[in-house]
Amino acid sequence: MNLKYKLHPSRFVYCSFVNFMFNPEDILFSFREEEGITFLVSEEVARLNNILFEETWALISVETITSLNSTGITAHISALLSIHKIPCNIVAGFYHDYLLVPYDSGSEAVQVLEV
């Protein structure tokens, strides 16, 4: 599978709240769940809003345009990263997929994926 990847330099934070508490332009991703709203924001935005967090995540975008109808992209990415024991959360946007890995594993993850 010939996919192109881009590692973004910022650190990101996952958090969840019952209420919408961020400015819309500060949110990279949000998803409403039964327990609350999951947000993905930059570490800077989290600190400015006094959000407590334990982990930061590196964002890797799949620069190749993907489709929700494509088969095997998530499996391909997961298989490569799991061999190297790199945890990954994948979020599908309309045009691209986005990978979130522990921040310190970001560069390694891109190297593994580009092989």
PDB file of N, CA and C in Angstrom:
ATOM      1  N   MET A   1       0.852  -1.173   0.000  1.00  0.00           N
ATOM      2  CA  MET A   1       0.000   0.000   0.000  1.00  0.00           C
ATOM      3  C   MET A   1       0.901   1.239   0.000  1.00  0.00           C
ATOM      4  N   ASN A   2       0.706   2.124  -0.944  1.00  0.00           N
ATOM      5  CA  ASN A   2       1.574   3.286  -1.109  1.00  0.00           C
ATOM      6  C   ASN A   2       0.906   4.531  -0.520  1.00  0.00           C
ATOM      7  N   LEU A   3       1.118   4.758   0.764  1.00  0.00           N
ATOM      8  CA  LEU A   3       0.537   5.908   1.452  1.00  0.00           C
ATOM      9  C   LEU A   3       1.645   6.870   1.855  1.00  0.00           C
ATOM     10  N   LYS A   4       1.359   8.142   1.837  1.00  0.00           N
ATOM     11  CA  LYS A   4       2.295   9.189   2.275  1.00  0.00           C
ATOM     12  C   LYS A   4       1.864   9.689   3.640  1.00  0.00           C
ATOM     13  N   TYR A   5       2.836   9.998   4.505  1.00  0.00           N
ATOM     14  CA  TYR A   5       2.550  10.395   5.881  1.00  0.00           C
ATOM     15  C   TYR A   5       3.242  11.712   6.217  1.00  0.00           C
ATOM     16  N   LYS A   6       2.633  12.454   7.134  1.00  0.00           N
ATOM     17  CA  LYS A   6       3.236  13.695   7.618  1.00  0.00           C
ATOM     18  C   LYS A   6       3.125  13.720   9.139  1.00  0.00           C
ATOM     19  N   LEU A   7       4.249  13.901   9.813  1.00  0.00           N
ATOM     20  CA  LEU A   7       4.282  14.036  11.272  1.00  0.00           C
ATOM     21  C   LEU A   7       4.168  15.516  11.615  1.00  0.00           C
ATOM     22  N   HIS A   8       3.167  15.869  12.395  1.00  0.00           N
ATOM     23  CA  HIS A   8       2.974  17.256  12.822  1.00  0.00           C
ATOM     24  C   HIS A   8       3.784  17.495  14.096  1.00  0.00           C
ATOM     25  N   PRO A   9       4.376  18.665  14.259  1.00  0.00           N
ATOM     26  CA  PRO A   9       5.282  18.900  15.387  1.00  0.00           C
ATOM     27  C   PRO A   9       4.604  19.082  16.749  1.00  0.00           C
ATOM     28  N   SER A  10       3.357  19.504  16.780  1.00  0.00           N
ATOM     29  CA  SER A  10       2.694  19.799  18.058  1.00  0.00           C
ATOM     30  C   SER A  10       2.364  18.536  18.834  1.00  0.00           C
ATOM     31  N   ARG A  11       2.231  18.692  20.125  1.00  0.00           N
ATOM     32  CA  ARG A  11       1.745  17.623  20.999  1.00  0.00           C
ATOM     33  C   ARG A  11       0.238  17.808  21.158  1.00  0.00           C
ATOM     34  N   PHE A  12      -0.486  16.697  21.215  1.00  0.00           N
ATOM     35  CA  PHE A  12      -1.939  16.753  21.344  1.00  0.00           C
ATOM     36  C   PHE A  12      -2.395  16.003  22.586  1.00  0.00           C
ATOM     37  N   VAL A  13      -3.562  16.403  23.077  1.00  0.00           N
ATOM     38  CA  VAL A  13      -4.120  15.862  24.314  1.00  0.00           C
ATOM     39  C   VAL A  13      -5.549  15.402  24.046  1.00  0.00           C
ATOM     40  N   TYR A  14      -5.879  14.197  24.531  1.00  0.00           N
ATOM     41  CA  TYR A  14      -7.256  13.702  24.544  1.00  0.00           C
ATOM     42  C   TYR A  14      -7.877  14.107  25.873  1.00  0.00           C
ATOM     43  N   CYS A  15      -9.117  14.547  25.846  1.00  0.00           N
ATOM     44  CA  CYS A  15      -9.843  14.835  27.078  1.00  0.00           C
ATOM     45  C   CYS A  15     -11.335  14.638  26.819  1.00  0.00           C
ATOM     46  N   SER A  16     -12.102  14.521  27.871  1.00  0.00           N
ATOM     47  CA  SER A  16     -13.538  14.309  27.726  1.00  0.00           C
ATOM     48  C   SER A  16     -14.288  15.129  28.765  1.00  0.00           C
ATOM     49  N   PHE A  17     -15.357  15.795  28.320  1.00  0.00           N
ATOM     50  CA  PHE A  17     -16.184  16.615  29.190  1.00  0.00           C
ATOM     51  C   PHE A  17     -17.641  16.430  28.815  1.00  0.00           C
ATOM     52  N   VAL A  18     -18.511  16.713  29.756  1.00  0.00           N
ATOM     53  CA  VAL A  18     -19.946  16.600  29.495  1.00  0.00           C
ATOM     54  C   VAL A  18     -20.404  17.761  28.611  1.00  0.00           C
ATOM     55  N   ASN A  19     -19.795  18.930  28.788  1.00  0.00           N
ATOM     56  CA  ASN A  19     -20.188  20.125  28.042  1.00  0.00           C
ATOM     57  C   ASN A  19     -19.114  20.511  27.026  1.00  0.00           C
ATOM     58  N   PHE A  20     -19.535  21.195  25.992  1.00  0.00           N
ATOM     59  CA  PHE A  20     -18.631  21.742  24.986  1.00  0.00           C
ATOM     60  C   PHE A  20     -17.933  22.934  25.618  1.00  0.00           C
ATOM     61  N   MET A  21     -16.614  22.849  25.821  1.00  0.00           N
ATOM     62  CA  MET A  21     -15.945  23.896  26.586  1.00  0.00           C
ATOM     63  C   MET A  21     -14.824  24.614  25.850  1.00  0.00           C
ATOM     64  N   PHE A  22     -14.591  24.299  24.592  1.00  0.00           N
ATOM     65  CA  PHE A  22     -13.500  24.914  23.841  1.00  0.00           C
ATOM     66  C   PHE A  22     -14.045  25.821  22.749  1.00  0.00           C
ATOM     67  N   ASN A  23     -13.216  26.748  22.299  1.00  0.00           N
ATOM     68  CA  ASN A  23     -13.542  27.507  21.097  1.00  0.00           C
ATOM     69  C   ASN A  23     -13.452  26.533  19.928  1.00  0.00           C
ATOM     70  N   PRO A  24     -14.391  26.567  19.011  1.00  0.00           N
ATOM     71  CA  PRO A  24     -14.377  25.616  17.892  1.00  0.00           C
ATOM     72  C   PRO A  24     -13.050  25.582  17.127  1.00  0.00           C
ATOM     73  N   GLU A  25     -12.405  26.738  16.970  1.00  0.00           N
ATOM     74  CA  GLU A  25     -11.134  26.770  16.228  1.00  0.00           C
ATOM     75  C   GLU A  25      -9.978  26.094  16.974  1.00  0.00           C
ATOM     76  N   ASP A  26     -10.156  25.806  18.265  1.00  0.00           N
ATOM     77  CA  ASP A  26      -9.108  25.153  19.055  1.00  0.00           C
ATOM     78  C   ASP A  26      -9.195  23.631  19.022  1.00  0.00           C
ATOM     79  N   ILE A  27     -10.248  23.092  18.430  1.00  0.00           N
ATOM     80  CA  ILE A  27     -10.482  21.655  18.465  1.00  0.00           C
ATOM     81  C   ILE A  27     -10.019  21.016  17.162  1.00  0.00           C
ATOM     82  N   LEU A  28      -9.156  20.023  17.263  1.00  0.00           N
ATOM     83  CA  LEU A  28      -8.774  19.274  16.080  1.00  0.00           C
ATOM     84  C   LEU A  28      -9.832  18.223  15.766  1.00  0.00           C
ATOM     85  N   PHE A  29     -10.399  17.627  16.804  1.00  0.00           N
ATOM     86  CA  PHE A  29     -11.351  16.534  16.638  1.00  0.00           C
ATOM     87  C   PHE A  29     -12.266  16.504  17.847  1.00  0.00           C
ATOM     88  N   SER A  30     -13.536  16.208  17.622  1.00  0.00           N
ATOM     89  CA  SER A  30     -14.450  15.966  18.738  1.00  0.00           C
ATOM     90  C   SER A  30     -15.410  14.859  18.337  1.00  0.00           C
ATOM     91  N   PHE A  31     -15.861  14.131  19.328  1.00  0.00           N
ATOM     92  CA  PHE A  31     -16.796  13.044  19.083  1.00  0.00           C
ATOM     93  C   PHE A  31     -17.682  12.884  20.300  1.00  0.00           C
ATOM     94  N   ARG A  32     -19.004  12.916  20.083  1.00  0.00           N
ATOM     95  CA  ARG A  32     -19.949  12.798  21.182  1.00  0.00           C
ATOM     96  C   ARG A  32     -20.161  11.326  21.509  1.00  0.00           C
ATOM     97  N   GLU A  33     -19.945  10.979  22.771  1.00  0.00           N
ATOM     98  CA  GLU A  33     -20.181   9.626  23.269  1.00  0.00           C
ATOM     99  C   GLU A  33     -21.205   9.705  24.388  1.00  0.00           C
ATOM    100  N   GLU A  34     -21.716   8.589  24.792  1.00  0.00           N
ATOM    101  CA  GLU A  34     -22.713   8.558  25.866  1.00  0.00           C
ATOM    102  C   GLU A  34     -22.168   9.181  27.150  1.00  0.00           C
ATOM    103  N   GLU A  35     -20.882   8.944  27.432  1.00  0.00           N
ATOM    104  CA  GLU A  35     -20.284   9.425  28.681  1.00  0.00           C
ATOM    105  C   GLU A  35     -19.893  10.896  28.643  1.00  0.00           C
ATOM    106  N   GLY A  36     -19.771  11.468  27.460  1.00  0.00           N
ATOM    107  CA  GLY A  36     -19.350  12.859  27.334  1.00  0.00           C
ATOM    108  C   GLY A  36     -18.825  13.116  25.936  1.00  0.00           C
ATOM    109  N   ILE A  37     -18.217  14.282  25.737  1.00  0.00           N
ATOM    110  CA  ILE A  37     -17.667  14.646  24.438  1.00  0.00           C
ATOM    111  C   ILE A  37     -16.154  14.486  24.510  1.00  0.00           C
ATOM    112  N   THR A  38     -15.620  13.669  23.614  1.00  0.00           N
ATOM    113  CA  THR A  38     -14.170  13.506  23.512  1.00  0.00           C
ATOM    114  C   THR A  38     -13.629  14.630  22.647  1.00  0.00           C
ATOM    115  N   PHE A  39     -12.566  15.270  23.118  1.00  0.00           N
ATOM    116  CA  PHE A  39     -11.904  16.337  22.372  1.00  0.00           C
ATOM    117  C   PHE A  39     -10.441  15.976  22.167  1.00  0.00           C
ATOM    118  N   LEU A  40      -9.923  16.380  21.033  1.00  0.00           N
ATOM    119  CA  LEU A  40      -8.489  16.336  20.794  1.00  0.00           C
ATOM    120  C   LEU A  40      -8.063  17.763  20.537  1.00  0.00           C
ATOM    121  N   VAL A  41      -7.191  18.262  21.416  1.00  0.00           N
ATOM    122  CA  VAL A  41      -6.715  19.640  21.321  1.00  0.00           C
ATOM    123  C   VAL A  41      -5.203  19.641  21.475  1.00  0.00           C
ATOM    124  N   SER A  42      -4.573  20.721  21.080  1.00  0.00           N
ATOM    125  CA  SER A  42      -3.132  20.827  21.257  1.00  0.00           C
ATOM    126  C   SER A  42      -2.806  20.911  22.747  1.00  0.00           C
ATOM    127  N   GLU A  43      -1.597  20.542  23.088  1.00  0.00           N
ATOM    128  CA  GLU A  43      -1.159  20.647  24.480  1.00  0.00           C
ATOM    129  C   GLU A  43      -1.268  22.098  24.953  1.00  0.00           C
ATOM    130  N   GLU A  44      -0.947  23.033  24.087  1.00  0.00           N
ATOM    131  CA  GLU A  44      -1.027  24.458  24.430  1.00  0.00           C
ATOM    132  C   GLU A  44      -2.457  24.850  24.816  1.00  0.00           C
ATOM    133  N   VAL A  45      -3.442  24.423  24.033  1.00  0.00           N
ATOM    134  CA  VAL A  45      -4.848  24.726  24.330  1.00  0.00           C
ATOM    135  C   VAL A  45      -5.260  24.064  25.639  1.00  0.00           C
ATOM    136  N   ALA A  46      -4.818  22.837  25.858  1.00  0.00           N
ATOM    137  CA  ALA A  46      -5.146  22.142  27.113  1.00  0.00           C
ATOM    138  C   ALA A  46      -4.594  22.912  28.307  1.00  0.00           C
ATOM    139  N   ARG A  47      -3.357  23.347  28.213  1.00  0.00           N
ATOM    140  CA  ARG A  47      -2.745  24.099  29.332  1.00  0.00           C
ATOM    141  C   ARG A  47      -3.456  25.443  29.544  1.00  0.00           C
ATOM    142  N   LEU A  48      -3.797  26.138  28.466  1.00  0.00           N
ATOM    143  CA  LEU A  48      -4.492  27.423  28.595  1.00  0.00           C
ATOM    144  C   LEU A  48      -5.854  27.268  29.266  1.00  0.00           C
ATOM    145  N   ASN A  49      -6.460  26.084  29.128  1.00  0.00           N
ATOM    146  CA  ASN A  49      -7.765  25.805  29.723  1.00  0.00           C
ATOM    147  C   ASN A  49      -7.662  25.016  31.024  1.00  0.00           C
ATOM    148  N   ASN A  50      -6.442  24.933  31.573  1.00  0.00           N
ATOM    149  CA  ASN A  50      -6.187  24.233  32.838  1.00  0.00           C
ATOM    150  C   ASN A  50      -6.695  22.790  32.831  1.00  0.00           C
ATOM    151  N   ILE A  51      -6.507  22.109  31.703  1.00  0.00           N
ATOM    152  CA  ILE A  51      -6.902  20.713  31.575  1.00  0.00           C
ATOM    153  C   ILE A  51      -5.771  19.837  32.121  1.00  0.00           C
ATOM    154  N   LEU A  52      -6.110  18.949  33.020  1.00  0.00           N
ATOM    155  CA  LEU A  52      -5.126  18.009  33.529  1.00  0.00           C
ATOM    156  C   LEU A  52      -5.015  16.834  32.557  1.00  0.00           C
ATOM    157  N   PHE A  53      -3.804  16.418  32.267  1.00  0.00           N
ATOM    158  CA  PHE A  53      -3.598  15.285  31.371  1.00  0.00           C
ATOM    159  C   PHE A  53      -2.306  14.579  31.754  1.00  0.00           C
ATOM    160  N   GLU A  54      -2.216  13.323  31.387  1.00  0.00           N
ATOM    161  CA  GLU A  54      -1.031  12.525  31.687  1.00  0.00           C
ATOM    162  C   GLU A  54      -0.207  12.214  30.459  1.00  0.00           C
ATOM    163  N   GLU A  55      -0.836  12.186  29.286  1.00  0.00           N
ATOM    164  CA  GLU A  55      -0.144  11.778  28.071  1.00  0.00           C
ATOM    165  C   GLU A  55      -0.315  12.819  26.975  1.00  0.00           C
ATOM    166  N   THR A  56       0.680  12.878  26.104  1.00  0.00           N
ATOM    167  CA  THR A  56       0.548  13.682  24.895  1.00  0.00           C
ATOM    168  C   THR A  56       0.743  12.759  23.699  1.00  0.00           C
ATOM    169  N   TRP A  57       0.149  13.163  22.604  1.00  0.00           N
ATOM    170  CA  TRP A  57       0.108  12.329  21.409  1.00  0.00           C
ATOM    171  C   TRP A  57       0.678  13.066  20.218  1.00  0.00           C
ATOM    172  N   ALA A  58       1.381  12.319  19.369  1.00  0.00           N
ATOM    173  CA  ALA A  58       1.860  12.854  18.098  1.00  0.00           C
ATOM    174  C   ALA A  58       0.773  12.620  17.056  1.00  0.00           C
ATOM    175  N   LEU A  59       0.591  13.586  16.181  1.00  0.00           N
ATOM    176  CA  LEU A  59      -0.383  13.480  15.103  1.00  0.00           C
ATOM    177  C   LEU A  59       0.352  13.201  13.797  1.00  0.00           C
ATOM    178  N   ILE A  60      -0.056  12.135  13.138  1.00  0.00           N
ATOM    179  CA  ILE A  60       0.476  11.790  11.825  1.00  0.00           C
ATOM    180  C   ILE A  60      -0.715  11.788  10.864  1.00  0.00           C
ATOM    181  N   SER A  61      -0.620  12.598   9.819  1.00  0.00           N
ATOM    182  CA  SER A  61      -1.710  12.581   8.842  1.00  0.00           C
ATOM    183  C   SER A  61      -1.303  11.706   7.664  1.00  0.00           C
ATOM    184  N   VAL A  62      -2.288  10.987   7.148  1.00  0.00           N
ATOM    185  CA  VAL A  62      -2.082  10.234   5.915  1.00  0.00           C
ATOM    186  C   VAL A  62      -2.340  11.243   4.801  1.00  0.00           C
ATOM    187  N   GLU A  63      -1.285  11.661   4.141  1.00  0.00           N
ATOM    188  CA  GLU A  63      -1.394  12.727   3.141  1.00  0.00           C
ATOM    189  C   GLU A  63      -2.100  12.244   1.873  1.00  0.00           C
ATOM    190  N   THR A  64      -2.064  10.961   1.623  1.00  0.00           N
ATOM    191  CA  THR A  64      -2.783  10.383   0.495  1.00  0.00           C
ATOM    192  C   THR A  64      -4.284  10.495   0.778  1.00  0.00           C
ATOM    193  N   ILE A  65      -5.061  10.926  -0.194  1.00  0.00           N
ATOM    194  CA  ILE A  65      -6.506  11.005   0.018  1.00  0.00           C
ATOM    195  C   ILE A  65      -7.045   9.589   0.158  1.00  0.00           C
ATOM    196  N   THR A  66      -7.777   9.363   1.242  1.00  0.00           N
ATOM    197  CA  THR A  66      -8.361   8.056   1.520  1.00  0.00           C
ATOM    198  C   THR A  66      -9.877   8.183   1.436  1.00  0.00           C
ATOM    199  N   SER A  67     -10.543   7.067   1.422  1.00  0.00           N
ATOM    200  CA  SER A  67     -11.990   7.052   1.320  1.00  0.00           C
ATOM    201  C   SER A  67     -12.559   6.157   2.407  1.00  0.00           C
ATOM    202  N   LEU A  68     -13.729   6.498   2.903  1.00  0.00           N
ATOM    203  CA  LEU A  68     -14.372   5.644   3.899  1.00  0.00           C
ATOM    204  C   LEU A  68     -14.699   4.270   3.320  1.00  0.00           C
ATOM    205  N   ASN A  69     -14.730   4.155   1.998  1.00  0.00           N
ATOM    206  CA  ASN A  69     -14.999   2.882   1.343  1.00  0.00           C
ATOM    207  C   ASN A  69     -13.738   2.072   1.056  1.00  0.00           C
ATOM    208  N   SER A  70     -12.569   2.638   1.330  1.00  0.00           N
ATOM    209  CA  SER A  70     -11.327   1.894   1.099  1.00  0.00           C
ATOM    210  C   SER A  70     -11.248   0.716   2.057  1.00  0.00           C
ATOM    211  N   THR A  71     -10.667  -0.356   1.575  1.00  0.00           N
ATOM    212  CA  THR A  71     -10.553  -1.566   2.378  1.00  0.00           C
ATOM    213  C   THR A  71      -9.101  -1.783   2.788  1.00  0.00           C
ATOM    214  N   GLY A  72      -8.879  -2.025   4.065  1.00  0.00           N
ATOM    215  CA  GLY A  72      -7.586  -2.463   4.544  1.00  0.00           C
ATOM    216  C   GLY A  72      -6.610  -1.405   5.005  1.00  0.00           C
ATOM    217  N   ILE A  73      -6.960  -0.129   4.899  1.00  0.00           N
ATOM    218  CA  ILE A  73      -6.007   0.912   5.304  1.00  0.00           C
ATOM    219  C   ILE A  73      -5.718   0.823   6.804  1.00  0.00           C
ATOM    220  N   THR A  74      -6.755   0.768   7.611  1.00  0.00           N
ATOM    221  CA  THR A  74      -6.571   0.682   9.063  1.00  0.00           C
ATOM    222  C   THR A  74      -5.810  -0.585   9.438  1.00  0.00           C
ATOM    223  N   ALA A  75      -6.156  -1.705   8.818  1.00  0.00           N
ATOM    224  CA  ALA A  75      -5.479  -2.971   9.103  1.00  0.00           C
ATOM    225  C   ALA A  75      -4.007  -2.893   8.721  1.00  0.00           C
ATOM    226  N   HIS A  76      -3.708  -2.290   7.580  1.00  0.00           N
ATOM    227  CA  HIS A  76      -2.323  -2.143   7.114  1.00  0.00           C
ATOM    228  C   HIS A  76      -1.497  -1.330   8.116  1.00  0.00           C
ATOM    229  N   ILE A  77      -2.026  -0.175   8.499  1.00  0.00           N
ATOM    230  CA  ILE A  77      -1.325   0.706   9.438  1.00  0.00           C
ATOM    231  C   ILE A  77      -1.156   0.020  10.786  1.00  0.00           C
ATOM    232  N   SER A  78      -2.221  -0.560  11.296  1.00  0.00           N
ATOM    233  CA  SER A  78      -2.177  -1.231  12.602  1.00  0.00           C
ATOM    234  C   SER A  78      -1.174  -2.369  12.614  1.00  0.00           C
ATOM    235  N   ALA A  79      -1.145  -3.153  11.549  1.00  0.00           N
ATOM    236  CA  ALA A  79      -0.219  -4.296  11.489  1.00  0.00           C
ATOM    237  C   ALA A  79       1.228  -3.823  11.552  1.00  0.00           C
ATOM    238  N   LEU A  80       1.570  -2.801  10.776  1.00  0.00           N
ATOM    239  CA  LEU A  80       2.948  -2.306  10.776  1.00  0.00           C
ATOM    240  C   LEU A  80       3.349  -1.762  12.143  1.00  0.00           C
ATOM    241  N   LEU A  81       2.480  -0.966  12.748  1.00  0.00           N
ATOM    242  CA  LEU A  81       2.822  -0.367  14.039  1.00  0.00           C
ATOM    243  C   LEU A  81       2.833  -1.398  15.159  1.00  0.00           C
ATOM    244  N   SER A  82       1.955  -2.381  15.100  1.00  0.00           N
ATOM    245  CA  SER A  82       1.892  -3.377  16.177  1.00  0.00           C
ATOM    246  C   SER A  82       3.154  -4.236  16.215  1.00  0.00           C
ATOM    247  N   ILE A  83       3.765  -4.492  15.079  1.00  0.00           N
ATOM    248  CA  ILE A  83       5.034  -5.239  15.052  1.00  0.00           C
ATOM    249  C   ILE A  83       6.086  -4.530  15.902  1.00  0.00           C
ATOM    250  N   HIS A  84       6.035  -3.211  15.910  1.00  0.00           N
ATOM    251  CA  HIS A  84       7.002  -2.389  16.658  1.00  0.00           C
ATOM    252  C   HIS A  84       6.457  -1.938  18.007  1.00  0.00           C
ATOM    253  N   LYS A  85       5.314  -2.504  18.385  1.00  0.00           N
ATOM    254  CA  LYS A  85       4.683  -2.217  19.683  1.00  0.00           C
ATOM    255  C   LYS A  85       4.391  -0.723  19.877  1.00  0.00           C
ATOM    256  N   ILE A  86       3.948  -0.067  18.806  1.00  0.00           N
ATOM    257  CA  ILE A  86       3.582   1.346  18.876  1.00  0.00           C
ATOM    258  C   ILE A  86       2.057   1.438  18.914  1.00  0.00           C
ATOM    259  N   PRO A  87       1.473   1.884  20.030  1.00  0.00           N
ATOM    260  CA  PRO A  87       0.022   2.055  20.100  1.00  0.00           C
ATOM    261  C   PRO A  87      -0.438   3.135  19.124  1.00  0.00           C
ATOM    262  N   CYS A  88      -1.639   2.978  18.607  1.00  0.00           N
ATOM    263  CA  CYS A  88      -2.137   3.941  17.622  1.00  0.00           C
ATOM    264  C   CYS A  88      -3.652   4.033  17.687  1.00  0.00           C
ATOM    265  N   ASN A  89      -4.151   5.251  17.669  1.00  0.00           N
ATOM    266  CA  ASN A  89      -5.573   5.519  17.501  1.00  0.00           C
ATOM    267  C   ASN A  89      -5.724   6.154  16.126  1.00  0.00           C
ATOM    268  N   ILE A  90      -6.692   5.675  15.359  1.00  0.00           N
ATOM    269  CA  ILE A  90      -6.901   6.181  14.002  1.00  0.00           C
ATOM    270  C   ILE A  90      -8.252   6.887  13.925  1.00  0.00           C
ATOM    271  N   VAL A  91      -8.232   8.090  13.371  1.00  0.00           N
ATOM    272  CA  VAL A  91      -9.443   8.877  13.184  1.00  0.00           C
ATOM    273  C   VAL A  91      -9.593   9.114  11.683  1.00  0.00           C
ATOM    274  N   ALA A  92     -10.760   8.841  11.164  1.00  0.00           N
ATOM    275  CA  ALA A  92     -11.006   9.058   9.743  1.00  0.00           C
ATOM    276  C   ALA A  92     -11.684  10.401   9.535  1.00  0.00           C
ATOM    277  N   GLY A  93     -11.054  11.236   8.728  1.00  0.00           N
ATOM    278  CA  GLY A  93     -11.686  12.450   8.265  1.00  0.00           C
ATOM    279  C   GLY A  93     -12.336  12.161   6.926  1.00  0.00           C
ATOM    280  N   PHE A  94     -12.933  13.149   6.318  1.00  0.00           N
ATOM    281  CA  PHE A  94     -13.589  12.939   5.031  1.00  0.00           C
ATOM    282  C   PHE A  94     -12.575  12.609   3.937  1.00  0.00           C
ATOM    283  N   TYR A  95     -11.423  13.326   3.942  1.00  0.00           N
ATOM    284  CA  TYR A  95     -10.414  13.139   2.902  1.00  0.00           C
ATOM    285  C   TYR A  95      -9.195  12.340   3.353  1.00  0.00           C
ATOM    286  N   HIS A  96      -8.876  12.408   4.629  1.00  0.00           N
ATOM    287  CA  HIS A  96      -7.634  11.802   5.116  1.00  0.00           C
ATOM    288  C   HIS A  96      -7.885  11.048   6.415  1.00  0.00           C
ATOM    289  N   ASP A  97      -6.973  10.139   6.707  1.00  0.00           N
ATOM    290  CA  ASP A  97      -6.961   9.477   8.004  1.00  0.00           C
ATOM    291  C   ASP A  97      -5.869  10.121   8.845  1.00  0.00           C
ATOM    292  N   TYR A  98      -6.057  10.066  10.157  1.00  0.00           N
ATOM    293  CA  TYR A  98      -5.116  10.675  11.089  1.00  0.00           C
ATOM    294  C   TYR A  98      -4.765   9.654  12.153  1.00  0.00           C
ATOM    295  N   LEU A  99      -3.489   9.561  12.458  1.00  0.00           N
ATOM    296  CA  LEU A  99      -2.991   8.603  13.435  1.00  0.00           C
ATOM    297  C   LEU A  99      -2.501   9.364  14.651  1.00  0.00           C
ATOM    298  N   LEU A 100      -2.826   8.858  15.812  1.00  0.00           N
ATOM    299  CA  LEU A 100      -2.322   9.427  17.055  1.00  0.00           C
ATOM    300  C   LEU A 100      -1.541   8.339  17.771  1.00  0.00           C
ATOM    301  N   VAL A 101      -0.269   8.624  17.975  1.00  0.00           N
ATOM    302  CA  VAL A 101       0.626   7.683  18.660  1.00  0.00           C
ATOM    303  C   VAL A 101       1.254   8.426  19.832  1.00  0.00           C
ATOM    304  N   PRO A 102       1.761   7.702  20.844  1.00  0.00           N
ATOM    305  CA  PRO A 102       2.444   8.412  21.930  1.00  0.00           C
ATOM    306  C   PRO A 102       3.482   9.373  21.345  1.00  0.00           C
ATOM    307  N   TYR A 103       3.548  10.569  21.900  1.00  0.00           N
ATOM    308  CA  TYR A 103       4.369  11.623  21.306  1.00  0.00           C
ATOM    309  C   TYR A 103       5.803  11.174  21.039  1.00  0.00           C
ATOM    310  N   ASP A 104       6.401  10.491  21.988  1.00  0.00           N
ATOM    311  CA  ASP A 104       7.799  10.082  21.837  1.00  0.00           C
ATOM    312  C   ASP A 104       7.991   9.003  20.775  1.00  0.00           C
ATOM    313  N   SER A 105       6.914   8.418  20.280  1.00  0.00           N
ATOM    314  CA  SER A 105       6.992   7.394  19.237  1.00  0.00           C
ATOM    315  C   SER A 105       6.675   7.938  17.844  1.00  0.00           C
ATOM    316  N   GLY A 106       6.419   9.217  17.732  1.00  0.00           N
ATOM    317  CA  GLY A 106       5.995   9.796  16.460  1.00  0.00           C
ATOM    318  C   GLY A 106       6.970   9.587  15.319  1.00  0.00           C
ATOM    319  N   SER A 107       8.230   9.920  15.520  1.00  0.00           N
ATOM    320  CA  SER A 107       9.227   9.770  14.453  1.00  0.00           C
ATOM    321  C   SER A 107       9.415   8.312  14.076  1.00  0.00           C
ATOM    322  N   GLU A 108       9.485   7.454  15.074  1.00  0.00           N
ATOM    323  CA  GLU A 108       9.641   6.020  14.814  1.00  0.00           C
ATOM    324  C   GLU A 108       8.446   5.489  14.021  1.00  0.00           C
ATOM    325  N   ALA A 109       7.244   5.915  14.386  1.00  0.00           N
ATOM    326  CA  ALA A 109       6.031   5.455  13.694  1.00  0.00           C
ATOM    327  C   ALA A 109       6.091   5.820  12.211  1.00  0.00           C
ATOM    328  N   VAL A 110       6.488   7.027  11.898  1.00  0.00           N
ATOM    329  CA  VAL A 110       6.577   7.446  10.488  1.00  0.00           C
ATOM    330  C   VAL A 110       7.622   6.602   9.761  1.00  0.00           C
ATOM    331  N   GLN A 111       8.755   6.354  10.388  1.00  0.00           N
ATOM    332  CA  GLN A 111       9.784   5.526   9.762  1.00  0.00           C
ATOM    333  C   GLN A 111       9.266   4.125   9.468  1.00  0.00           C
ATOM    334  N   VAL A 112       8.540   3.547  10.410  1.00  0.00           N
ATOM    335  CA  VAL A 112       7.973   2.205  10.250  1.00  0.00           C
ATOM    336  C   VAL A 112       6.963   2.204   9.095  1.00  0.00           C
ATOM    337  N   LEU A 113       6.125   3.213   9.027  1.00  0.00           N
ATOM    338  CA  LEU A 113       5.073   3.268   8.018  1.00  0.00           C
ATOM    339  C   LEU A 113       5.603   3.520   6.617  1.00  0.00           C
ATOM    340  N   GLU A 114       6.710   4.220   6.505  1.00  0.00           N
ATOM    341  CA  GLU A 114       7.243   4.583   5.186  1.00  0.00           C
ATOM    342  C   GLU A 114       8.103   3.501   4.564  1.00  0.00           C
ATOM    343  N   VAL A 115       8.256   2.379   5.231  1.00  0.00           N
ATOM    344  CA  VAL A 115       9.067   1.272   4.687  1.00  0.00           C
ATOM    345  C   VAL A 115       8.365   0.623   3.523  1.00  0.00           C
TER     346      VAL A 115
END
